[in-house]
Protein backbone atom coordinates (compact mmCIF):
# COMPACT_ATOMS: atom_id res chain seq x y z
CA MET A 1 -17.40 -2.96 -19.55
CA ARG A 2 -14.76 -3.63 -22.21
CA GLU A 3 -11.42 -1.76 -22.31
CA ARG A 4 -9.71 -0.19 -25.30
CA ALA A 5 -5.95 -0.80 -25.05
CA ALA A 6 -3.32 0.23 -27.56
CA SER A 7 -1.36 -3.01 -27.29
CA SER A 8 -1.06 -6.04 -29.55
CA SER A 9 -1.02 -9.71 -28.64
CA SER A 10 -0.01 -10.91 -32.11
CA THR A 11 3.76 -10.46 -31.69
CA GLY A 12 4.23 -13.66 -29.73
CA ASP A 13 4.61 -14.58 -26.07
CA ALA A 14 8.25 -13.49 -25.80
CA SER A 15 7.59 -10.08 -27.30
CA SER A 16 4.50 -9.65 -25.13
CA THR A 17 6.46 -10.54 -21.99
CA ALA A 18 9.22 -8.07 -22.90
CA ARG A 19 6.64 -5.37 -23.55
CA HIS A 20 4.95 -5.98 -20.23
CA GLY A 21 8.33 -5.89 -18.49
CA ALA A 22 9.11 -2.53 -20.06
CA VAL A 23 5.73 -1.12 -19.05
CA LEU A 24 6.26 -2.36 -15.50
CA ALA A 25 9.73 -0.76 -15.34
CA VAL A 26 8.52 2.62 -16.58
CA THR A 27 5.44 2.77 -14.36
CA CYS A 28 7.47 1.73 -11.31
CA LEU A 29 10.02 4.47 -12.05
CA ALA A 30 7.18 7.01 -12.23
CA LEU A 31 5.80 5.63 -8.97
CA ALA A 32 9.21 5.78 -7.28
CA THR A 33 9.61 9.41 -8.35
CA VAL A 34 6.43 10.63 -6.63
CA VAL A 35 6.69 8.32 -3.58
CA ALA A 36 10.29 9.31 -2.88
CA ALA A 37 9.27 12.97 -2.92
CA MET A 38 6.97 12.32 0.07
CA ALA A 39 9.90 11.54 2.36
CA SER A 40 13.13 12.66 0.71
CA LEU A 41 12.90 16.34 1.66
CA ASN A 42 12.86 15.51 5.39
CA VAL A 43 16.63 15.15 5.45
CA ALA A 44 17.10 18.56 3.79
CA LEU A 45 15.04 20.61 6.25
CA PRO A 46 18.02 21.89 8.30
CA ASP A 47 19.62 23.33 5.13
CA ILE A 48 16.31 24.79 3.97
CA ALA A 49 15.75 26.46 7.34
CA ARG A 50 19.20 28.06 7.30
CA GLU A 51 18.90 29.44 3.76
CA THR A 52 15.23 30.47 3.63
CA HIS A 53 14.91 31.44 7.33
CA ALA A 54 11.70 29.40 7.48
CA ARG A 55 9.83 29.19 10.78
CA GLN A 56 8.99 25.77 12.20
CA SER A 57 5.40 25.98 10.94
CA GLU A 58 6.67 26.83 7.47
CA LEU A 59 9.03 23.85 7.55
CA SER A 60 6.07 21.64 8.44
CA TRP A 61 4.10 22.93 5.48
CA ILE A 62 7.03 22.45 3.11
CA ILE A 63 6.61 18.74 3.85
CA ASP A 64 2.83 18.61 4.37
CA ALA A 65 1.61 20.72 1.41
CA TYR A 66 2.55 17.85 -0.88
CA SER A 67 0.52 15.22 0.98
CA LEU A 68 -2.47 17.50 1.56
CA VAL A 69 -2.95 18.33 -2.13
CA PHE A 70 -2.00 14.80 -3.17
CA ALA A 71 -4.64 13.15 -0.96
CA SER A 72 -7.47 15.58 -1.67
CA LEU A 73 -7.20 15.20 -5.47
CA LEU A 74 -6.67 11.46 -5.85
CA LEU A 75 -10.27 10.38 -6.50
CA LEU A 76 -10.81 13.17 -9.02
CA THR A 77 -7.59 12.48 -10.91
CA GLY A 78 -8.34 8.75 -10.85
CA ALA A 79 -11.69 9.38 -12.52
CA LEU A 80 -10.10 11.72 -15.07
CA GLY A 81 -7.56 9.05 -15.94
CA ASP A 82 -10.32 6.49 -16.41
CA ARG A 83 -12.29 8.75 -18.73
CA TYR A 84 -9.58 10.41 -20.77
CA GLY A 85 -6.62 8.03 -20.70
CA ARG A 86 -4.20 6.65 -18.13
CA ARG A 87 -1.19 7.29 -20.35
CA LYS A 88 -2.29 10.92 -20.73
CA ALA A 89 -2.51 11.21 -16.94
CA LEU A 90 1.03 9.83 -16.62
CA VAL A 91 2.46 12.11 -19.28
CA GLY A 92 0.77 15.26 -17.96
CA GLY A 93 1.59 14.47 -14.34
CA LEU A 94 5.25 13.67 -14.99
CA ALA A 95 5.70 16.79 -17.15
CA LEU A 96 4.20 19.02 -14.43
CA PHE A 97 6.29 17.26 -11.77
CA ALA A 98 9.51 17.91 -13.71
CA VAL A 99 8.67 21.58 -14.38
CA ALA A 100 7.63 22.29 -10.77
CA SER A 101 10.79 20.61 -9.46
CA LEU A 102 12.87 22.74 -11.81
CA VAL A 103 11.16 25.89 -10.51
CA ALA A 104 11.97 24.79 -6.94
CA THR A 105 15.70 24.80 -7.71
CA PHE A 106 15.50 28.58 -8.24
CA THR A 107 13.41 29.21 -5.10
CA SER A 108 14.85 31.19 -2.19
CA ASP A 109 11.90 31.77 0.17
CA ALA A 110 9.72 29.42 2.19
CA THR A 111 6.34 30.62 0.90
CA THR A 112 7.26 29.98 -2.72
CA LEU A 113 8.67 26.58 -1.82
CA ILE A 114 5.41 25.63 -0.07
CA THR A 115 3.49 26.64 -3.20
CA VAL A 116 5.78 24.60 -5.43
CA ARG A 117 5.37 21.57 -3.17
CA ALA A 118 1.58 21.94 -3.49
CA VAL A 119 1.91 21.96 -7.29
CA LEU A 120 4.06 18.83 -7.04
CA GLY A 121 1.18 17.29 -5.08
CA VAL A 122 -1.17 18.02 -8.00
CA ALA A 123 1.25 16.33 -10.41
CA ALA A 124 1.72 13.32 -8.14
CA ALA A 125 -2.06 12.90 -7.83
CA PHE A 126 -2.21 12.28 -11.59
CA VAL A 127 0.84 10.01 -11.68
CA MET A 128 0.35 7.62 -8.79
CA PRO A 129 -3.12 6.16 -9.55
CA ALA A 130 -2.24 5.92 -13.25
CA THR A 131 0.77 3.69 -12.49
CA LEU A 132 -1.16 0.92 -10.78
CA SER A 133 -4.18 1.10 -13.07
CA THR A 134 -1.90 0.90 -16.13
CA ILE A 135 -0.45 -2.33 -14.75
CA THR A 136 -3.80 -3.88 -13.83
CA SER A 137 -5.43 -2.94 -17.13
CA THR A 138 -2.45 -3.99 -19.29
CA PHE A 139 -1.21 -7.22 -17.72
CA PRO A 140 -3.10 -10.49 -18.25
CA GLN A 141 -4.80 -12.00 -15.19
CA GLU A 142 -2.15 -14.71 -14.68
CA GLN A 143 0.67 -12.10 -14.48
CA ARG A 144 -1.18 -9.40 -12.62
CA ALA A 145 -0.53 -10.54 -9.03
CA ARG A 146 3.23 -10.71 -9.58
CA ALA A 147 3.26 -7.30 -11.28
CA VAL A 148 1.25 -5.80 -8.40
CA SER A 149 3.76 -7.31 -5.95
CA VAL A 150 6.57 -5.47 -7.76
CA TRP A 151 4.50 -2.26 -7.68
CA ALA A 152 3.88 -2.72 -3.94
CA ALA A 153 7.58 -3.32 -3.25
CA VAL A 154 8.51 -0.15 -5.12
CA ALA A 155 5.76 1.81 -3.36
CA GLY A 156 7.03 0.69 0.02
CA GLY A 157 10.77 0.92 -0.60
CA SER A 158 10.91 4.18 -2.56
CA ALA A 159 10.42 6.38 0.51
CA VAL A 160 13.50 4.87 2.16
CA LEU A 161 15.49 4.94 -1.07
CA GLY A 162 14.45 8.57 -1.50
CA LEU A 163 15.86 9.37 1.93
CA LEU A 164 19.11 7.63 0.99
CA ALA A 165 19.43 9.42 -2.36
CA SER A 166 18.72 12.79 -0.74
CA GLY A 167 21.22 12.16 2.04
CA ALA A 168 23.85 11.24 -0.54
CA VAL A 169 23.41 14.34 -2.73
CA LEU A 170 23.28 16.59 0.35
CA GLU A 171 26.81 15.49 1.21
CA ALA A 172 28.07 17.34 -1.87
CA TRP A 173 25.40 19.90 -2.80
CA SER A 174 22.67 22.08 -1.31
CA TRP A 175 19.02 21.17 -0.67
CA ARG A 176 18.23 22.17 -4.27
CA SER A 177 19.95 18.98 -5.41
CA VAL A 178 16.95 17.02 -4.10
CA PHE A 179 14.75 18.81 -6.64
CA TRP A 180 17.29 18.33 -9.42
CA LEU A 181 17.03 14.61 -8.68
CA ASN A 182 13.24 14.93 -9.11
CA VAL A 183 13.75 16.57 -12.52
CA LEU A 184 16.04 13.75 -13.67
CA LEU A 185 13.75 10.92 -12.53
CA ALA A 186 10.57 12.52 -13.86
CA GLY A 187 12.26 13.27 -17.20
CA VAL A 188 13.41 9.67 -17.69
CA ALA A 189 9.98 8.32 -16.68
CA LEU A 190 8.27 10.77 -19.05
CA ILE A 191 10.38 9.63 -22.01
CA GLY A 192 9.75 5.99 -21.12
CA THR A 193 6.00 6.60 -20.90
CA LEU A 194 5.89 8.29 -24.30
CA VAL A 195 7.85 5.47 -25.93
CA LEU A 196 6.66 2.32 -24.17
CA VAL A 197 3.39 2.70 -22.26
CA PRO A 198 0.15 1.92 -24.16
CA GLU A 199 -2.95 4.03 -23.73
CA SER A 200 -5.92 2.54 -21.92
CA THR A 201 -9.24 4.26 -21.39
CA GLN A 202 -12.81 3.52 -20.43
CA LEU A 203 -15.20 3.15 -23.37
CA GLY A 204 -18.56 4.87 -23.14
CA ARG A 205 -17.32 7.88 -21.20
CA HIS A 206 -19.79 9.33 -18.75
CA PRO A 207 -19.86 12.96 -17.61
CA ILE A 208 -17.53 13.72 -14.71
CA ASP A 209 -19.37 13.93 -11.39
CA VAL A 210 -18.42 17.56 -10.75
CA VAL A 211 -20.36 17.91 -7.50
CA GLY A 212 -18.88 14.68 -6.19
CA ALA A 213 -15.39 15.86 -7.16
CA VAL A 214 -15.84 19.19 -5.35
CA LEU A 215 -17.19 17.45 -2.24
CA THR A 216 -14.25 15.03 -2.27
CA VAL A 217 -11.64 17.75 -2.61
CA ALA A 218 -13.32 19.96 0.00
CA GLY A 219 -13.98 17.19 2.53
CA LEU A 220 -10.59 15.54 2.28
CA GLY A 221 -8.82 18.89 2.11
CA ILE A 222 -10.46 20.15 5.31
CA LEU A 223 -9.99 16.83 7.08
CA VAL A 224 -6.33 16.36 6.16
CA TYR A 225 -5.56 20.03 6.84
CA SER A 226 -7.06 19.71 10.32
CA ILE A 227 -5.08 16.54 11.00
CA ILE A 228 -1.81 18.05 9.82
CA GLU A 229 -2.33 21.21 11.85
CA ALA A 230 -3.41 19.31 14.99
CA PRO A 231 0.09 19.29 16.55
CA ASN A 232 0.10 23.12 16.33
CA ASN A 233 -3.53 23.76 17.32
CA GLY A 234 -3.88 20.91 19.83
CA TRP A 235 -5.90 17.76 19.32
CA GLY A 236 -8.57 19.06 21.69
CA GLY A 237 -8.59 22.56 20.21
CA THR A 238 -11.66 24.09 18.61
CA ARG A 239 -9.97 24.49 15.22
CA THR A 240 -8.86 20.85 15.15
CA LEU A 241 -12.11 19.28 16.33
CA GLY A 242 -14.22 21.73 14.36
CA GLY A 243 -12.19 21.14 11.20
CA ILE A 244 -12.38 17.36 11.55
CA ALA A 245 -16.13 17.58 12.17
CA VAL A 246 -16.70 19.79 9.13
CA GLY A 247 -14.52 17.56 6.95
CA LEU A 248 -16.41 14.45 8.03
CA MET A 249 -19.76 16.16 7.45
CA VAL A 250 -18.73 17.10 3.92
CA LEU A 251 -17.61 13.52 3.28
CA VAL A 252 -20.93 12.20 4.58
CA GLY A 253 -22.58 14.57 2.13
CA PHE A 254 -20.34 13.13 -0.59
CA VAL A 255 -21.51 9.59 0.25
CA LEU A 256 -25.18 10.60 0.19
CA TRP A 257 -24.68 12.41 -3.12
CA GLU A 258 -22.85 9.47 -4.70
CA LEU A 259 -25.61 7.03 -3.73
CA ARG A 260 -28.03 9.04 -5.85
CA GLN A 261 -25.85 9.36 -8.97
CA PRO A 262 -26.13 7.09 -12.04
CA HIS A 263 -22.39 7.46 -12.69
CA PRO A 264 -20.74 8.26 -9.33
CA LEU A 265 -17.13 9.25 -8.84
CA LEU A 266 -16.85 6.39 -6.33
CA ASP A 267 -19.83 4.16 -5.61
CA PRO A 268 -20.04 3.75 -1.81
CA ARG A 269 -21.74 0.39 -2.38
CA LEU A 270 -18.38 -0.95 -3.49
CA PHE A 271 -17.43 -1.14 0.19
CA ARG A 272 -19.93 -3.97 0.60
CA HIS A 273 -17.09 -6.02 -0.84
CA VAL A 274 -15.28 -7.13 2.32
CA HIS A 275 -11.92 -7.51 0.61
CA LEU A 276 -12.00 -3.93 -0.69
CA SER A 277 -12.96 -2.61 2.75
CA ALA A 278 -10.26 -4.68 4.46
CA GLY A 279 -7.67 -3.58 1.91
CA SER A 280 -8.46 0.12 2.31
CA PHE A 281 -8.46 -0.12 6.10
CA SER A 282 -5.19 -2.06 6.13
CA VAL A 283 -3.35 0.26 3.73
CA THR A 284 -4.43 3.30 5.76
CA PHE A 285 -2.96 1.98 9.01
CA GLN A 286 0.11 0.40 7.43
CA PHE A 287 1.11 3.83 6.19
CA PHE A 288 -0.09 5.48 9.39
CA ALA A 289 2.69 3.46 11.02
CA PHE A 290 5.21 3.79 8.18
CA TYR A 291 5.19 7.56 7.67
CA GLY A 292 4.78 8.23 11.37
CA PHE A 293 7.86 6.05 11.90
CA ILE A 294 9.87 7.92 9.23
CA PHE A 295 8.89 11.28 10.73
CA VAL A 296 9.96 10.35 14.26
CA MET A 297 12.91 8.11 13.40
CA MET A 298 14.75 10.59 11.19
CA GLN A 299 14.65 13.11 14.03
CA TYR A 300 15.89 10.50 16.49
CA LEU A 301 18.81 9.48 14.29
CA GLN A 302 19.93 13.04 13.51
CA LEU A 303 19.15 14.82 16.76
CA VAL A 304 19.57 12.13 19.43
CA ARG A 305 22.19 9.86 17.86
CA ARG A 306 23.73 12.89 16.07
CA ASP A 307 24.03 11.07 12.73
CA SER A 308 24.54 13.01 9.50
CA ALA A 309 21.72 13.10 6.96
CA LEU A 310 23.41 10.41 4.88
CA MET A 311 24.15 8.20 7.87
CA ALA A 312 20.56 8.55 9.10
CA ALA A 313 19.26 7.45 5.70
CA VAL A 314 21.72 4.54 5.52
CA SER A 315 20.67 3.45 9.02
CA VAL A 316 17.12 2.60 7.89
CA LEU A 317 18.20 0.61 4.81
CA PRO A 318 17.72 -2.78 6.53
CA MET A 319 13.98 -2.09 6.46
CA ALA A 320 13.94 -1.70 2.67
CA ALA A 321 16.32 -4.66 2.27
CA PHE A 322 13.77 -6.95 3.92
CA MET A 323 10.65 -5.20 2.60
CA ILE A 324 11.33 -5.80 -1.10
CA PRO A 325 11.91 -9.58 -0.98
CA ALA A 326 8.98 -9.96 1.43
CA ALA A 327 6.73 -8.19 -1.08
CA ARG A 328 7.92 -10.57 -3.81
CA LEU A 329 7.34 -13.61 -1.56
CA SER A 330 3.88 -12.51 -0.48
CA PRO A 331 2.02 -13.60 -3.68
CA ARG A 332 3.46 -17.13 -3.41
CA LEU A 333 2.35 -17.44 0.20
CA THR A 334 -1.06 -16.03 -0.68
CA SER A 335 -1.42 -18.49 -3.56
CA ARG A 336 -0.61 -21.39 -1.25
CA PHE A 337 -2.31 -20.39 1.99
CA GLY A 338 -4.79 -17.69 0.98
CA SER A 339 -4.43 -13.97 1.75
CA ARG A 340 -5.75 -14.03 5.32
CA GLY A 341 -2.72 -15.65 6.98
CA PRO A 342 0.20 -13.81 5.29
CA TRP A 343 -1.71 -10.52 5.43
CA THR A 344 -2.42 -10.79 9.17
CA VAL A 345 1.11 -12.01 9.97
CA GLY A 346 2.53 -9.04 8.02
CA LEU A 347 0.50 -6.55 10.06
CA LEU A 348 1.54 -8.21 13.32
CA ALA A 349 5.18 -8.04 12.22
CA ILE A 350 4.81 -4.28 11.72
CA ALA A 351 3.40 -3.96 15.22
CA ALA A 352 6.27 -6.08 16.60
CA GLY A 353 8.87 -3.92 14.86
CA LEU A 354 7.40 -0.70 16.28
CA THR A 355 7.25 -2.29 19.74
CA VAL A 356 10.98 -3.06 19.57
CA LEU A 357 11.77 0.45 18.33
CA SER A 358 9.73 1.96 21.17
CA ARG A 359 12.53 0.84 23.53
CA LEU A 360 15.11 3.16 21.94
CA ASP A 361 16.77 5.77 24.12
CA ALA A 362 19.74 8.12 23.89
CA ASN A 363 22.21 5.33 24.69
CA SER A 364 20.77 2.54 22.53
CA GLY A 365 23.10 0.73 20.17
CA TYR A 366 22.43 0.31 16.48
CA GLY A 367 21.65 -3.37 17.05
CA LEU A 368 18.34 -2.44 18.68
CA VAL A 369 17.50 -0.24 15.67
CA VAL A 370 18.09 -3.15 13.29
CA ALA A 371 16.10 -5.50 15.53
CA GLY A 372 13.06 -3.26 14.98
CA LEU A 373 13.68 -2.45 11.31
CA VAL A 374 13.79 -6.10 10.18
CA PRO A 375 10.26 -7.12 11.28
CA LEU A 376 8.95 -3.71 10.23
CA GLY A 377 10.30 -4.21 6.69
CA ILE A 378 9.10 -7.82 6.47
CA GLY A 379 5.65 -6.84 7.71
CA MET A 380 5.26 -3.95 5.27
CA GLY A 381 6.27 -6.18 2.37
CA MET A 382 4.04 -9.07 3.43
CA ALA A 383 0.92 -6.99 4.06
CA MET A 384 1.14 -4.47 1.22
CA THR A 385 0.68 -6.87 -1.69
CA PRO A 386 -2.53 -8.63 -0.53
CA ALA A 387 -4.00 -5.35 0.70
CA THR A 388 -3.34 -3.62 -2.64
CA ALA A 389 -4.55 -6.61 -4.66
CA SER A 390 -7.75 -6.79 -2.60
CA ILE A 391 -8.64 -3.24 -3.59
CA THR A 392 -7.82 -3.53 -7.28
CA ASP A 393 -9.30 -7.02 -7.75
CA ALA A 394 -12.60 -5.89 -6.24
CA LEU A 395 -13.22 -3.44 -9.10
CA PRO A 396 -13.95 -4.01 -12.80
CA ARG A 397 -11.26 -3.21 -15.36
CA SER A 398 -13.12 -0.06 -16.38
CA LEU A 399 -12.63 1.39 -12.88
CA GLN A 400 -9.01 0.41 -12.28
CA ASN A 401 -7.81 4.01 -12.07
CA VAL A 402 -10.45 4.77 -9.42
CA GLY A 403 -9.46 1.61 -7.56
CA SER A 404 -5.79 2.51 -7.57
CA ALA A 405 -6.70 6.06 -6.56
CA LEU A 406 -8.59 4.62 -3.59
CA ASN A 407 -5.50 2.60 -2.68
CA ASP A 408 -3.28 5.66 -2.96
CA LEU A 409 -5.80 7.79 -1.06
CA SER A 410 -5.63 5.28 1.79
CA ARG A 411 -1.82 5.59 1.75
CA GLU A 412 -1.82 9.37 1.80
CA LEU A 413 -4.51 9.76 4.45
CA GLY A 414 -2.79 7.14 6.58
CA GLY A 415 0.56 8.87 6.17
CA ALA A 416 -0.82 12.31 7.02
CA LEU A 417 -2.65 10.92 10.03
CA GLY A 418 0.42 8.99 11.20
CA ILE A 419 2.66 12.06 11.04
CA ALA A 420 0.04 14.20 12.79
CA VAL A 421 -0.89 11.72 15.53
CA LEU A 422 2.56 10.31 16.31
CA GLY A 423 4.10 13.76 15.92
CA SER A 424 1.54 15.23 18.29
CA VAL A 425 2.16 12.49 20.87
CA LEU A 426 5.91 13.04 20.59
CA ASP A 427 5.57 16.81 20.94
CA ALA A 428 3.18 16.65 23.89
CA VAL A 429 5.35 14.22 25.86
CA TYR A 430 8.52 16.14 24.99
CA ARG A 431 7.06 19.40 26.30
CA GLY A 432 5.66 17.70 29.40
CA HIS A 433 8.99 16.12 30.36
CA LEU A 434 11.25 19.10 29.63
CA ASP A 435 11.98 21.17 32.73
CA VAL A 436 12.79 24.77 31.78
CA THR A 437 12.45 26.20 35.28
CA GLY A 438 14.83 29.11 35.82
CA LEU A 439 15.64 29.64 32.17
CA PRO A 440 15.04 33.04 30.53
CA ALA A 441 11.69 33.14 28.72
CA PRO A 442 13.14 33.28 25.18
CA VAL A 443 15.43 30.32 25.90
CA ALA A 444 12.62 28.34 27.52
CA ASP A 445 10.29 28.97 24.56
CA ALA A 446 12.97 27.92 22.10
CA ALA A 447 13.79 24.77 24.04
CA ARG A 448 10.11 23.78 24.22
CA SER A 449 9.62 24.28 20.48
CA SER A 450 11.87 21.39 19.43
CA LEU A 451 14.87 19.28 20.33
CA ALA A 452 16.85 20.98 17.56
CA ALA A 453 16.22 24.40 19.12
CA ALA A 454 17.09 23.10 22.60
CA SER A 455 20.37 21.73 21.28
CA ALA A 456 21.17 25.08 19.64
CA VAL A 457 20.97 26.88 23.00
CA GLY A 458 24.41 25.48 23.82
CA SER A 459 23.78 24.20 27.36
CA PRO A 460 24.98 20.58 27.74
CA GLU A 461 22.60 19.98 30.64
CA LEU A 462 19.58 21.30 28.72
CA THR A 463 20.55 19.32 25.63
CA GLU A 464 20.84 16.09 27.60
CA GLN A 465 17.50 16.64 29.29
CA ALA A 466 15.89 17.48 25.96
CA ARG A 467 17.24 14.27 24.40
CA ASP A 468 15.78 12.23 27.26
CA ALA A 469 12.42 14.03 26.91
CA PHE A 470 12.44 13.32 23.18
CA THR A 471 13.07 9.59 23.61
CA THR A 472 10.29 9.44 26.21
CA GLY A 473 7.96 10.87 23.58
CA LEU A 474 9.32 8.38 21.05
CA HIS A 475 8.43 5.51 23.39
CA LEU A 476 4.77 6.50 23.54
CA ALA A 477 4.54 7.46 19.84
CA PHE A 478 5.83 4.09 18.61
CA THR A 479 3.74 2.22 21.16
CA ALA A 480 0.63 4.01 19.89
CA GLY A 481 1.58 3.11 16.31
CA ALA A 482 2.11 -0.53 17.25
CA ALA A 483 -1.27 -0.69 18.98
CA ALA A 484 -3.06 0.81 15.97
CA VAL A 485 -1.53 -1.74 13.57
CA ALA A 486 -2.19 -4.67 15.94
CA LEU A 487 -5.87 -3.68 16.06
CA THR A 488 -5.85 -3.44 12.27
CA ALA A 489 -4.49 -7.01 12.09
CA LEU A 490 -7.39 -8.24 14.22
CA ALA A 491 -9.90 -6.33 12.10
CA VAL A 492 -8.50 -7.74 8.84
CA PHE A 493 -8.43 -11.28 10.25
CA PHE A 494 -12.10 -11.17 11.22
CA LEU A 495 -13.25 -9.26 8.12
CA LEU A 496 -11.67 -11.82 5.78
CA GLY A 497 -13.19 -14.62 7.82
CA ARG A 498 -16.63 -13.17 7.02
CA ALA A 499 -15.94 -12.44 3.33
CA ARG A 500 -18.79 -13.17 0.95
CA PRO A 501 -19.17 -12.55 -2.80
CA VAL A 502 -20.07 -8.96 -3.66
CA PRO A 503 -23.75 -8.51 -4.60
CA ASP A 504 -24.44 -8.48 -8.34
CA GLY A 505 -24.36 -5.06 -9.91
CA VAL A 506 -22.48 -3.34 -7.10
CA ALA A 507 -19.20 -3.21 -8.95
CA SER A 508 -20.58 -2.51 -12.32
CA GLY A 509 -18.87 0.45 -13.81
């Protein structure tokens, strides 16, 4: 199906190149704004807890409300962007993001802050898929792979840069400064979008698949909610297993419904395309590892190594320093050797980095941290570009927003699952290895709740034991993450070896 794009090719190659560069810069700034918000608030949680008196479960939801709403709405917002305009999705999403962030700066209680974070998730769900689909629908074929590599580098590095920016502003101001930073970034990106980004829409708009949208939101919402709450309810608990089962049943119903629709929200037959399936699978487990790593590592640096928020953020910069050039190099390697080799090597590098980091303990030097961060950053950069390109290239131009939403959905689900699974492993091992025999019940309960609470008790012996229990949990959590990514590398290697052309008509919009 043909696209309508508000751009002109008659101004010459130089002008066209400059225009494309400006569009890429603006969309990547918008992307960085919403990706950074996924991780940046982690470093501010101690300040938030002190001022709002939030319980541990409330602190978890301050972080998780964003990802839950974000993930559950991505397919719907992707379809809306396709039908009614990707530029409109960017403008509306960025405006809502700026307003919600501004409201957060005047918030003083945890419940309101959780609600605001959920609204930010709605805004981000409109912004993120529109950034990639704007690039893929605006750039010519010969420039698209390089532009996607830049997008992938920004998508991967923005979480770390968000941690760094938040750590820096927290040195001088309160946790509200993190939201002021959101307002600034979203405002600049909004102005750039209004001035520079062309509109692109799908001609011949079809009615929105309302039932499919409801099933998607309900199924993913229940599933992600159950995963996020699993560390609190127990992975074997009735609420966790029942919630996951219900979520999966709703998603099965979504697939069956979509197979019967003339204009589905997401045609399940698209997954016959091996590259799309491999890309979605790979992105999910790359970010399973990445966000699980961020969740565990920031606690290790601040609570075990006793680094400040800024120092903890600075400590993970080597990962971003190697991730960005690796993402830029990946298209060249793919062009020369094909995607299978660089993609698989990238995933194995992630697994190697997590394996090295699994050896950290309370007395480890920073050299061991860097030794794990370097292959982790290289692997994320190497694997992200071919995985992302495999998803977007599998779909027609008329469905680019849905394709990018699928990519982003894989990221968000992988991140939520990584935080839940690795966090649950860490928590279970920590509790199992912490001996609170002889302690008063209130002290024992506090010590078991978290390493931060155990440290606040004031007993040097208990604090030291708690730090050792935490690093034991870290060992198993990072080992589990490494195993998951290594298995993903094998799956991608064999899937791409069996790749065949997609059947005619499957990807027709």
